[in-house]
Amino acid sequence: MSNQEIIEKINGFLVDEFEADINLITPEASLKETLDLDSLDFVDLVVVIENNFGFKAKGEDFVNIKTFQDFYDYIIQRVNQPA
């Protein structure tokens, strides 16, 4: 799966699961503020990541994720990690 395909998949589930406006999802935008995420939403996000990409994210993984680009980079890195 290419990086662009991963980003498109991420944007698709963010729009579906979090009712996000696709026009507000830009690499430099704040993930938390744009999606209006609270602590329960982060739990949902972990489940959605696992369902879509097959790995389990941990809460501490999100400490340094501020923007959508940070989120994309995190997912891409995890997807491309050797098993």
C-alpha atoms as a PDB file:
ATOM      1  CA  MET A   1       0.000   0.000   0.000  1.00  0.00           C
ATOM      2  CA  SER A   2       1.478   3.367  -1.017  1.00  0.00           C
ATOM      3  CA  ASN A   3       1.713   6.317   1.357  1.00  0.00           C
ATOM      4  CA  GLN A   4      -0.967   8.149  -0.639  1.00  0.00           C
ATOM      5  CA  GLU A   5      -3.304   5.141  -0.395  1.00  0.00           C
ATOM      6  CA  ILE A   6      -2.751   5.024   3.369  1.00  0.00           C
ATOM      7  CA  ILE A   7      -3.535   8.753   3.687  1.00  0.00           C
ATOM      8  CA  GLU A   8      -6.696   8.357   1.589  1.00  0.00           C
ATOM      9  CA  LYS A   9      -7.805   5.407   3.748  1.00  0.00           C
ATOM     10  CA  ILE A  10      -7.152   7.418   6.930  1.00  0.00           C
ATOM     11  CA  ASN A  11      -9.105  10.413   5.632  1.00  0.00           C
ATOM     12  CA  GLY A  12     -11.952   8.117   4.600  1.00  0.00           C
ATOM     13  CA  PHE A  13     -12.389   6.582   8.039  1.00  0.00           C
ATOM     14  CA  LEU A  14     -11.989   9.949   9.775  1.00  0.00           C
ATOM     15  CA  VAL A  15     -14.847  11.333   7.690  1.00  0.00           C
ATOM     16  CA  ASP A  16     -16.989   8.232   8.290  1.00  0.00           C
ATOM     17  CA  GLU A  17     -16.258   7.563  11.958  1.00  0.00           C
ATOM     18  CA  PHE A  18     -15.839  11.100  13.282  1.00  0.00           C
ATOM     19  CA  GLU A  19     -18.096  12.951  10.837  1.00  0.00           C
ATOM     20  CA  ALA A  20     -15.163  15.167   9.918  1.00  0.00           C
ATOM     21  CA  ASP A  21     -15.374  17.738   7.148  1.00  0.00           C
ATOM     22  CA  ILE A  22     -12.909  16.522   4.504  1.00  0.00           C
ATOM     23  CA  ASN A  23     -12.125  20.144   3.633  1.00  0.00           C
ATOM     24  CA  LEU A  24     -10.777  20.729   7.156  1.00  0.00           C
ATOM     25  CA  ILE A  25      -8.438  17.731   7.037  1.00  0.00           C
ATOM     26  CA  THR A  26      -5.118  19.196   5.938  1.00  0.00           C
ATOM     27  CA  PRO A  27      -1.607  18.040   6.881  1.00  0.00           C
ATOM     28  CA  GLU A  28      -0.936  21.059   9.104  1.00  0.00           C
ATOM     29  CA  ALA A  29      -4.349  21.108  10.847  1.00  0.00           C
ATOM     30  CA  SER A  30      -4.639  20.010  14.485  1.00  0.00           C
ATOM     31  CA  LEU A  31      -5.951  16.445  14.704  1.00  0.00           C
ATOM     32  CA  LYS A  32      -7.541  16.906  18.129  1.00  0.00           C
ATOM     33  CA  GLU A  33      -9.162  20.292  17.430  1.00  0.00           C
ATOM     34  CA  THR A  34     -10.341  19.535  13.898  1.00  0.00           C
ATOM     35  CA  LEU A  35     -11.996  16.276  14.941  1.00  0.00           C
ATOM     36  CA  ASP A  36     -13.010  17.651  18.359  1.00  0.00           C
ATOM     37  CA  LEU A  37     -11.545  14.562  20.030  1.00  0.00           C
ATOM     38  CA  ASP A  38     -12.016  13.777  23.704  1.00  0.00           C
ATOM     39  CA  SER A  39     -10.507  10.845  25.615  1.00  0.00           C
ATOM     40  CA  LEU A  40     -13.287   8.446  24.545  1.00  0.00           C
ATOM     41  CA  ASP A  41     -12.784   9.454  20.913  1.00  0.00           C
ATOM     42  CA  PHE A  42      -9.124   8.474  21.200  1.00  0.00           C
ATOM     43  CA  VAL A  43     -10.246   4.997  22.305  1.00  0.00           C
ATOM     44  CA  ASP A  44     -12.492   4.854  19.219  1.00  0.00           C
ATOM     45  CA  LEU A  45      -9.580   6.017  17.083  1.00  0.00           C
ATOM     46  CA  VAL A  46      -7.391   3.170  18.410  1.00  0.00           C
ATOM     47  CA  VAL A  47     -10.121   0.648  17.496  1.00  0.00           C
ATOM     48  CA  VAL A  48     -10.562   2.144  14.018  1.00  0.00           C
ATOM     49  CA  ILE A  49      -6.799   2.008  13.408  1.00  0.00           C
ATOM     50  CA  GLU A  50      -6.704  -1.648  14.446  1.00  0.00           C
ATOM     51  CA  ASN A  51      -9.692  -2.509  12.235  1.00  0.00           C
ATOM     52  CA  ASN A  52      -8.253  -0.708   9.201  1.00  0.00           C
ATOM     53  CA  PHE A  53      -4.542  -1.419   9.499  1.00  0.00           C
ATOM     54  CA  GLY A  54      -4.251  -4.510  11.694  1.00  0.00           C
ATOM     55  CA  PHE A  55      -2.054  -3.139  14.468  1.00  0.00           C
ATOM     56  CA  LYS A  56      -2.880  -1.994  17.962  1.00  0.00           C
ATOM     57  CA  ALA A  57      -2.024   1.612  18.791  1.00  0.00           C
ATOM     58  CA  LYS A  58      -1.338   2.615  22.388  1.00  0.00           C
ATOM     59  CA  GLY A  59      -2.367   5.800  24.138  1.00  0.00           C
ATOM     60  CA  GLU A  60       1.226   6.892  24.577  1.00  0.00           C
ATOM     61  CA  ASP A  61       1.671   6.698  20.791  1.00  0.00           C
ATOM     62  CA  PHE A  62      -0.541   9.783  20.524  1.00  0.00           C
ATOM     63  CA  VAL A  63       1.514  12.000  22.854  1.00  0.00           C
ATOM     64  CA  ASN A  64       3.542  13.507  20.004  1.00  0.00           C
ATOM     65  CA  ILE A  65       0.777  13.481  17.394  1.00  0.00           C
ATOM     66  CA  LYS A  66      -0.471  17.031  16.995  1.00  0.00           C
ATOM     67  CA  THR A  67      -1.292  17.440  13.299  1.00  0.00           C
ATOM     68  CA  PHE A  68      -2.809  15.239  10.632  1.00  0.00           C
ATOM     69  CA  GLN A  69       0.683  14.959   9.101  1.00  0.00           C
ATOM     70  CA  ASP A  70       1.991  13.575  12.411  1.00  0.00           C
ATOM     71  CA  PHE A  71      -0.887  11.075  12.382  1.00  0.00           C
ATOM     72  CA  TYR A  72      -0.228  10.074   8.755  1.00  0.00           C
ATOM     73  CA  ASP A  73       3.488   9.637   9.484  1.00  0.00           C
ATOM     74  CA  TYR A  74       2.748   7.479  12.528  1.00  0.00           C
ATOM     75  CA  ILE A  75       0.375   5.178  10.615  1.00  0.00           C
ATOM     76  CA  ILE A  76       2.701   4.939   7.604  1.00  0.00           C
ATOM     77  CA  GLN A  77       5.646   4.064   9.858  1.00  0.00           C
ATOM     78  CA  ARG A  78       3.667   1.374  11.688  1.00  0.00           C
ATOM     79  CA  VAL A  79       2.213  -0.106   8.480  1.00  0.00           C
ATOM     80  CA  ASN A  80       5.693  -0.326   6.926  1.00  0.00           C
ATOM     81  CA  GLN A  81       7.362  -1.829  10.025  1.00  0.00           C
ATOM     82  CA  PRO A  82       8.553  -5.366   9.494  1.00  0.00           C
ATOM     83  CA  ALA A  83       6.475  -7.856  11.474  1.00  0.00           C
END
